[in-house]
Amino acid sequence: MKTRKGRKQRGQAIVEYIIIIVIVAVASLAVMGVFSDRIRTIIAGVASTFGATDAADAVEKPSVEILKEMDAEGLDTDTSD
């Protein structure tokens, strides 16, 4: 006899997928938080290789200080310099 998947089983599968997505998202944020300075250093190195002149200055401050400045001063979007 065939068994049919009921509404309850489909709903359970959706909830399981949502839980997996949330776990992956939280893990990604944790990894970014731990390795953010290292990632920024790597990106600045690549940017310097391609000719950016101010990329080395961007890695002198830790990410925590940059976030505090952004929180206090806001994000500078003025590109007229």
PDB file of N, CA and C in Angstrom:
ATOM      1  N   MET A   1       0.832  -1.168   0.000  1.00  0.00           N
ATOM      2  CA  MET A   1       0.000   0.000   0.000  1.00  0.00           C
ATOM      3  C   MET A   1       0.885   1.242   0.000  1.00  0.00           C
ATOM      4  N   LYS A   2       0.518   2.185  -0.808  1.00  0.00           N
ATOM      5  CA  LYS A   2       1.290   3.425  -0.888  1.00  0.00           C
ATOM      6  C   LYS A   2       0.966   4.315   0.306  1.00  0.00           C
ATOM      7  N   THR A   3       2.002   4.953   0.794  1.00  0.00           N
ATOM      8  CA  THR A   3       1.771   5.942   1.845  1.00  0.00           C
ATOM      9  C   THR A   3       1.918   7.321   1.228  1.00  0.00           C
ATOM     10  N   ARG A   4       1.026   8.168   1.577  1.00  0.00           N
ATOM     11  CA  ARG A   4       1.058   9.520   1.038  1.00  0.00           C
ATOM     12  C   ARG A   4       1.643  10.469   2.077  1.00  0.00           C
ATOM     13  N   LYS A   5       2.463  11.367   1.575  1.00  0.00           N
ATOM     14  CA  LYS A   5       2.996  12.372   2.480  1.00  0.00           C
ATOM     15  C   LYS A   5       1.890  13.370   2.779  1.00  0.00           C
ATOM     16  N   GLY A   6       1.673  13.518   4.030  1.00  0.00           N
ATOM     17  CA  GLY A   6       0.632  14.458   4.420  1.00  0.00           C
ATOM     18  C   GLY A   6       1.187  15.860   4.577  1.00  0.00           C
ATOM     19  N   ARG A   7       0.303  16.745   4.860  1.00  0.00           N
ATOM     20  CA  ARG A   7       0.673  18.143   5.047  1.00  0.00           C
ATOM     21  C   ARG A   7       1.645  18.300   6.207  1.00  0.00           C
ATOM     22  N   LYS A   8       1.471  17.497   7.227  1.00  0.00           N
ATOM     23  CA  LYS A   8       2.323  17.594   8.414  1.00  0.00           C
ATOM     24  C   LYS A   8       3.775  17.249   8.077  1.00  0.00           C
ATOM     25  N   GLN A   9       3.987  16.231   7.244  1.00  0.00           N
ATOM     26  CA  GLN A   9       5.349  15.841   6.888  1.00  0.00           C
ATOM     27  C   GLN A   9       6.014  16.884   5.998  1.00  0.00           C
ATOM     28  N   ARG A  10       5.259  17.491   5.073  1.00  0.00           N
ATOM     29  CA  ARG A  10       5.829  18.535   4.225  1.00  0.00           C
ATOM     30  C   ARG A  10       6.214  19.748   5.063  1.00  0.00           C
ATOM     31  N   GLY A  11       5.375  20.108   5.996  1.00  0.00           N
ATOM     32  CA  GLY A  11       5.671  21.235   6.884  1.00  0.00           C
ATOM     33  C   GLY A  11       6.897  20.971   7.738  1.00  0.00           C
ATOM     34  N   GLN A  12       7.037  19.721   8.162  1.00  0.00           N
ATOM     35  CA  GLN A  12       8.199  19.353   8.960  1.00  0.00           C
ATOM     36  C   GLN A  12       9.468  19.476   8.133  1.00  0.00           C
ATOM     37  N   ALA A  13       9.448  19.096   6.864  1.00  0.00           N
ATOM     38  CA  ALA A  13      10.619  19.197   6.000  1.00  0.00           C
ATOM     39  C   ALA A  13      11.011  20.656   5.799  1.00  0.00           C
ATOM     40  N   ILE A  14      10.028  21.535   5.625  1.00  0.00           N
ATOM     41  CA  ILE A  14      10.317  22.960   5.454  1.00  0.00           C
ATOM     42  C   ILE A  14      10.976  23.519   6.703  1.00  0.00           C
ATOM     43  N   VAL A  15      10.468  23.149   7.857  1.00  0.00           N
ATOM     44  CA  VAL A  15      11.047  23.623   9.116  1.00  0.00           C
ATOM     45  C   VAL A  15      12.484  23.127   9.259  1.00  0.00           C
ATOM     46  N   GLU A  16      12.740  21.899   8.866  1.00  0.00           N
ATOM     47  CA  GLU A  16      14.100  21.366   8.940  1.00  0.00           C
ATOM     48  C   GLU A  16      15.044  22.140   8.025  1.00  0.00           C
ATOM     49  N   TYR A  17      14.588  22.483   6.818  1.00  0.00           N
ATOM     50  CA  TYR A  17      15.421  23.270   5.907  1.00  0.00           C
ATOM     51  C   TYR A  17      15.680  24.666   6.473  1.00  0.00           C
ATOM     52  N   ILE A  18      14.679  25.267   7.070  1.00  0.00           N
ATOM     53  CA  ILE A  18      14.856  26.591   7.670  1.00  0.00           C
ATOM     54  C   ILE A  18      15.870  26.527   8.807  1.00  0.00           C
ATOM     55  N   ILE A  19      15.808  25.503   9.616  1.00  0.00           N
ATOM     56  CA  ILE A  19      16.766  25.343  10.720  1.00  0.00           C
ATOM     57  C   ILE A  19      18.183  25.200  10.167  1.00  0.00           C
ATOM     58  N   ILE A  20      18.349  24.433   9.105  1.00  0.00           N
ATOM     59  CA  ILE A  20      19.672  24.261   8.497  1.00  0.00           C
ATOM     60  C   ILE A  20      20.186  25.593   7.963  1.00  0.00           C
ATOM     61  N   ILE A  21      19.317  26.364   7.306  1.00  0.00           N
ATOM     62  CA  ILE A  21      19.723  27.662   6.764  1.00  0.00           C
ATOM     63  C   ILE A  21      20.135  28.609   7.887  1.00  0.00           C
ATOM     64  N   VAL A  22      19.400  28.609   8.984  1.00  0.00           N
ATOM     65  CA  VAL A  22      19.739  29.474  10.117  1.00  0.00           C
ATOM     66  C   VAL A  22      21.080  29.071  10.714  1.00  0.00           C
ATOM     67  N   ILE A  23      21.331  27.781  10.850  1.00  0.00           N
ATOM     68  CA  ILE A  23      22.605  27.316  11.405  1.00  0.00           C
ATOM     69  C   ILE A  23      23.765  27.728  10.505  1.00  0.00           C
ATOM     70  N   VAL A  24      23.596  27.593   9.198  1.00  0.00           N
ATOM     71  CA  VAL A  24      24.648  27.994   8.255  1.00  0.00           C
ATOM     72  C   VAL A  24      24.880  29.499   8.327  1.00  0.00           C
ATOM     73  N   ALA A  25      23.816  30.282   8.425  1.00  0.00           N
ATOM     74  CA  ALA A  25      23.949  31.739   8.499  1.00  0.00           C
ATOM     75  C   ALA A  25      24.675  32.162   9.772  1.00  0.00           C
ATOM     76  N   VAL A  26      24.322  31.575  10.901  1.00  0.00           N
ATOM     77  CA  VAL A  26      24.982  31.912  12.165  1.00  0.00           C
ATOM     78  C   VAL A  26      26.450  31.495  12.131  1.00  0.00           C
ATOM     79  N   ALA A  27      26.730  30.335  11.564  1.00  0.00           N
ATOM     80  CA  ALA A  27      28.120  29.889  11.456  1.00  0.00           C
ATOM     81  C   ALA A  27      28.918  30.821  10.549  1.00  0.00           C
ATOM     82  N   SER A  28      28.301  31.274   9.460  1.00  0.00           N
ATOM     83  CA  SER A  28      28.986  32.206   8.547  1.00  0.00           C
ATOM     84  C   SER A  28      29.303  33.520   9.243  1.00  0.00           C
ATOM     85  N   LEU A  29      28.356  34.038  10.004  1.00  0.00           N
ATOM     86  CA  LEU A  29      28.602  35.276  10.746  1.00  0.00           C
ATOM     87  C   LEU A  29      29.702  35.104  11.791  1.00  0.00           C
ATOM     88  N   ALA A  30      29.722  33.959  12.442  1.00  0.00           N
ATOM     89  CA  ALA A  30      30.763  33.708  13.434  1.00  0.00           C
ATOM     90  C   ALA A  30      32.141  33.642  12.773  1.00  0.00           C
ATOM     91  N   VAL A  31      32.230  32.967  11.643  1.00  0.00           N
ATOM     92  CA  VAL A  31      33.509  32.872  10.926  1.00  0.00           C
ATOM     93  C   VAL A  31      33.947  34.252  10.451  1.00  0.00           C
ATOM     94  N   MET A  32      33.023  35.045   9.918  1.00  0.00           N
ATOM     95  CA  MET A  32      33.367  36.400   9.477  1.00  0.00           C
ATOM     96  C   MET A  32      33.822  37.258  10.650  1.00  0.00           C
ATOM     97  N   GLY A  33      33.203  37.084  11.803  1.00  0.00           N
ATOM     98  CA  GLY A  33      33.606  37.850  12.980  1.00  0.00           C
ATOM     99  C   GLY A  33      35.002  37.481  13.449  1.00  0.00           C
ATOM    100  N   VAL A  34      35.318  36.216  13.398  1.00  0.00           N
ATOM    101  CA  VAL A  34      36.625  35.751  13.870  1.00  0.00           C
ATOM    102  C   VAL A  34      37.733  36.115  12.886  1.00  0.00           C
ATOM    103  N   PHE A  35      37.463  35.969  11.601  1.00  0.00           N
ATOM    104  CA  PHE A  35      38.507  36.150  10.597  1.00  0.00           C
ATOM    105  C   PHE A  35      38.401  37.458   9.814  1.00  0.00           C
ATOM    106  N   SER A  36      37.615  38.424  10.296  1.00  0.00           N
ATOM    107  CA  SER A  36      37.384  39.635   9.508  1.00  0.00           C
ATOM    108  C   SER A  36      38.667  40.433   9.273  1.00  0.00           C
ATOM    109  N   ASP A  37      39.518  40.547  10.279  1.00  0.00           N
ATOM    110  CA  ASP A  37      40.770  41.293  10.099  1.00  0.00           C
ATOM    111  C   ASP A  37      41.673  40.597   9.090  1.00  0.00           C
ATOM    112  N   ARG A  38      41.742  39.294   9.153  1.00  0.00           N
ATOM    113  CA  ARG A  38      42.581  38.533   8.212  1.00  0.00           C
ATOM    114  C   ARG A  38      42.051  38.653   6.784  1.00  0.00           C
ATOM    115  N   ILE A  39      40.741  38.558   6.638  1.00  0.00           N
ATOM    116  CA  ILE A  39      40.141  38.683   5.315  1.00  0.00           C
ATOM    117  C   ILE A  39      40.391  40.075   4.755  1.00  0.00           C
ATOM    118  N   ARG A  40      40.250  41.099   5.611  1.00  0.00           N
ATOM    119  CA  ARG A  40      40.486  42.466   5.168  1.00  0.00           C
ATOM    120  C   ARG A  40      41.934  42.655   4.743  1.00  0.00           C
ATOM    121  N   THR A  41      42.863  42.037   5.448  1.00  0.00           N
ATOM    122  CA  THR A  41      44.277  42.127   5.094  1.00  0.00           C
ATOM    123  C   THR A  41      44.539  41.474   3.733  1.00  0.00           C
ATOM    124  N   ILE A  42      43.932  40.329   3.498  1.00  0.00           N
ATOM    125  CA  ILE A  42      44.102  39.639   2.220  1.00  0.00           C
ATOM    126  C   ILE A  42      43.541  40.483   1.083  1.00  0.00           C
ATOM    127  N   ILE A  43      42.347  41.041   1.272  1.00  0.00           N
ATOM    128  CA  ILE A  43      41.738  41.861   0.226  1.00  0.00           C
ATOM    129  C   ILE A  43      42.566  43.112  -0.030  1.00  0.00           C
ATOM    130  N   ALA A  44      43.117  43.719   1.029  1.00  0.00           N
ATOM    131  CA  ALA A  44      43.964  44.903   0.852  1.00  0.00           C
ATOM    132  C   ALA A  44      45.240  44.549   0.093  1.00  0.00           C
ATOM    133  N   GLY A  45      45.782  43.364   0.352  1.00  0.00           N
ATOM    134  CA  GLY A  45      46.970  42.924  -0.381  1.00  0.00           C
ATOM    135  C   GLY A  45      46.687  42.753  -1.864  1.00  0.00           C
ATOM    136  N   VAL A  46      45.531  42.171  -2.158  1.00  0.00           N
ATOM    137  CA  VAL A  46      45.144  42.001  -3.561  1.00  0.00           C
ATOM    138  C   VAL A  46      44.921  43.367  -4.208  1.00  0.00           C
ATOM    139  N   ALA A  47      44.256  44.275  -3.486  1.00  0.00           N
ATOM    140  CA  ALA A  47      44.003  45.610  -4.027  1.00  0.00           C
ATOM    141  C   ALA A  47      45.315  46.355  -4.270  1.00  0.00           C
ATOM    142  N   SER A  48      46.282  46.193  -3.367  1.00  0.00           N
ATOM    143  CA  SER A  48      47.582  46.828  -3.554  1.00  0.00           C
ATOM    144  C   SER A  48      48.294  46.274  -4.775  1.00  0.00           C
ATOM    145  N   THR A  49      48.137  44.988  -4.998  1.00  0.00           N
ATOM    146  CA  THR A  49      48.740  44.358  -6.170  1.00  0.00           C
ATOM    147  C   THR A  49      48.195  44.957  -7.460  1.00  0.00           C
ATOM    148  N   PHE A  50      46.908  45.286  -7.442  1.00  0.00           N
ATOM    149  CA  PHE A  50      46.287  45.856  -8.631  1.00  0.00           C
ATOM    150  C   PHE A  50      46.424  47.369  -8.716  1.00  0.00           C
ATOM    151  N   GLY A  51      47.172  47.972  -7.801  1.00  0.00           N
ATOM    152  CA  GLY A  51      47.493  49.383  -7.925  1.00  0.00           C
ATOM    153  C   GLY A  51      46.764  50.329  -6.995  1.00  0.00           C
ATOM    154  N   ALA A  52      46.024  49.847  -6.037  1.00  0.00           N
ATOM    155  CA  ALA A  52      45.362  50.744  -5.094  1.00  0.00           C
ATOM    156  C   ALA A  52      46.406  51.347  -4.166  1.00  0.00           C
ATOM    157  N   THR A  53      46.317  52.647  -3.952  1.00  0.00           N
ATOM    158  CA  THR A  53      47.339  53.320  -3.147  1.00  0.00           C
ATOM    159  C   THR A  53      46.971  53.408  -1.677  1.00  0.00           C
ATOM    160  N   ASP A  54      45.692  53.388  -1.343  1.00  0.00           N
ATOM    161  CA  ASP A  54      45.286  53.540   0.050  1.00  0.00           C
ATOM    162  C   ASP A  54      44.848  52.227   0.698  1.00  0.00           C
ATOM    163  N   ALA A  55      45.077  51.106   0.060  1.00  0.00           N
ATOM    164  CA  ALA A  55      44.639  49.815   0.604  1.00  0.00           C
ATOM    165  C   ALA A  55      45.441  49.424   1.834  1.00  0.00           C
ATOM    166  N   ALA A  56      46.724  49.752   1.864  1.00  0.00           N
ATOM    167  CA  ALA A  56      47.548  49.388   3.020  1.00  0.00           C
ATOM    168  C   ALA A  56      47.131  50.163   4.257  1.00  0.00           C
ATOM    169  N   ASP A  57      46.654  51.396   4.075  1.00  0.00           N
ATOM    170  CA  ASP A  57      46.208  52.188   5.221  1.00  0.00           C
ATOM    171  C   ASP A  57      44.934  51.631   5.839  1.00  0.00           C
ATOM    172  N   ALA A  58      44.146  50.937   5.048  1.00  0.00           N
ATOM    173  CA  ALA A  58      42.859  50.430   5.520  1.00  0.00           C
ATOM    174  C   ALA A  58      43.002  49.280   6.502  1.00  0.00           C
ATOM    175  N   VAL A  59      44.132  48.615   6.535  1.00  0.00           N
ATOM    176  CA  VAL A  59      44.276  47.455   7.412  1.00  0.00           C
ATOM    177  C   VAL A  59      45.004  47.779   8.708  1.00  0.00           C
ATOM    178  N   GLU A  60      45.374  49.021   8.912  1.00  0.00           N
ATOM    179  CA  GLU A  60      46.088  49.371  10.138  1.00  0.00           C
ATOM    180  C   GLU A  60      45.186  49.332  11.362  1.00  0.00           C
ATOM    181  N   LYS A  61      43.898  49.638  11.204  1.00  0.00           N
ATOM    182  CA  LYS A  61      42.956  49.621  12.323  1.00  0.00           C
ATOM    183  C   LYS A  61      42.231  48.284  12.368  1.00  0.00           C
ATOM    184  N   PRO A  62      41.995  47.766  13.567  1.00  0.00           N
ATOM    185  CA  PRO A  62      41.192  46.547  13.676  1.00  0.00           C
ATOM    186  C   PRO A  62      39.738  46.813  13.277  1.00  0.00           C
ATOM    187  N   SER A  63      39.034  45.781  12.906  1.00  0.00           N
ATOM    188  CA  SER A  63      37.647  45.900  12.476  1.00  0.00           C
ATOM    189  C   SER A  63      36.754  46.487  13.562  1.00  0.00           C
ATOM    190  N   VAL A  64      37.037  46.165  14.810  1.00  0.00           N
ATOM    191  CA  VAL A  64      36.219  46.655  15.912  1.00  0.00           C
ATOM    192  C   VAL A  64      36.256  48.179  15.963  1.00  0.00           C
ATOM    193  N   GLU A  65      37.431  48.763  15.785  1.00  0.00           N
ATOM    194  CA  GLU A  65      37.547  50.214  15.802  1.00  0.00           C
ATOM    195  C   GLU A  65      36.819  50.839  14.621  1.00  0.00           C
ATOM    196  N   ILE A  66      36.907  50.226  13.468  1.00  0.00           N
ATOM    197  CA  ILE A  66      36.212  50.740  12.283  1.00  0.00           C
ATOM    198  C   ILE A  66      34.708  50.719  12.503  1.00  0.00           C
ATOM    199  N   LEU A  67      34.188  49.628  13.078  1.00  0.00           N
ATOM    200  CA  LEU A  67      32.759  49.545  13.342  1.00  0.00           C
ATOM    201  C   LEU A  67      32.313  50.574  14.364  1.00  0.00           C
ATOM    202  N   LYS A  68      33.137  50.828  15.383  1.00  0.00           N
ATOM    203  CA  LYS A  68      32.797  51.847  16.378  1.00  0.00           C
ATOM    204  C   LYS A  68      32.746  53.228  15.733  1.00  0.00           C
ATOM    205  N   GLU A  69      33.697  53.523  14.847  1.00  0.00           N
ATOM    206  CA  GLU A  69      33.698  54.809  14.157  1.00  0.00           C
ATOM    207  C   GLU A  69      32.478  54.939  13.251  1.00  0.00           C
ATOM    208  N   MET A  70      32.124  53.855  12.565  1.00  0.00           N
ATOM    209  CA  MET A  70      30.955  53.890  11.695  1.00  0.00           C
ATOM    210  C   MET A  70      29.697  54.124  12.510  1.00  0.00           C
ATOM    211  N   ASP A  71      29.631  53.526  13.706  1.00  0.00           N
ATOM    212  CA  ASP A  71      28.469  53.692  14.557  1.00  0.00           C
ATOM    213  C   ASP A  71      28.384  55.124  15.074  1.00  0.00           C
ATOM    214  N   ALA A  72      29.531  55.696  15.433  1.00  0.00           N
ATOM    215  CA  ALA A  72      29.548  57.046  15.991  1.00  0.00           C
ATOM    216  C   ALA A  72      29.364  58.111  14.917  1.00  0.00           C
ATOM    217  N   GLU A  73      30.004  57.947  13.781  1.00  0.00           N
ATOM    218  CA  GLU A  73      30.007  58.971  12.750  1.00  0.00           C
ATOM    219  C   GLU A  73      29.059  58.676  11.602  1.00  0.00           C
ATOM    220  N   GLY A  74      28.647  57.455  11.463  1.00  0.00           N
ATOM    221  CA  GLY A  74      27.832  57.074  10.311  1.00  0.00           C
ATOM    222  C   GLY A  74      28.727  56.672   9.164  1.00  0.00           C
ATOM    223  N   LEU A  75      28.132  56.175   8.130  1.00  0.00           N
ATOM    224  CA  LEU A  75      28.867  55.717   6.955  1.00  0.00           C
ATOM    225  C   LEU A  75      29.086  56.895   6.013  1.00  0.00           C
ATOM    226  N   ASP A  76      30.324  57.141   5.642  1.00  0.00           N
ATOM    227  CA  ASP A  76      30.656  58.245   4.746  1.00  0.00           C
ATOM    228  C   ASP A  76      30.432  57.803   3.304  1.00  0.00           C
ATOM    229  N   THR A  77      29.412  58.374   2.663  1.00  0.00           N
ATOM    230  CA  THR A  77      29.104  58.014   1.293  1.00  0.00           C
ATOM    231  C   THR A  77      29.446  59.128   0.324  1.00  0.00           C
ATOM    232  N   ASP A  78      30.115  60.162   0.799  1.00  0.00           N
ATOM    233  CA  ASP A  78      30.479  61.289  -0.051  1.00  0.00           C
ATOM    234  C   ASP A  78      31.656  60.878  -0.943  1.00  0.00           C
ATOM    235  N   THR A  79      31.432  60.836  -2.239  1.00  0.00           N
ATOM    236  CA  THR A  79      32.475  60.426  -3.185  1.00  0.00           C
ATOM    237  C   THR A  79      33.018  61.610  -3.977  1.00  0.00           C
ATOM    238  N   SER A  80      32.746  62.822  -3.527  1.00  0.00           N
ATOM    239  CA  SER A  80      33.166  64.000  -4.290  1.00  0.00           C
ATOM    240  C   SER A  80      34.603  64.405  -4.004  1.00  0.00           C
ATOM    241  N   ASP A  81      35.329  63.665  -3.177  1.00  0.00           N
ATOM    242  CA  ASP A  81      36.729  64.015  -2.838  1.00  0.00           C
ATOM    243  C   ASP A  81      37.644  63.857  -3.990  1.00  0.00           C
TER     244      ASP A  81
END
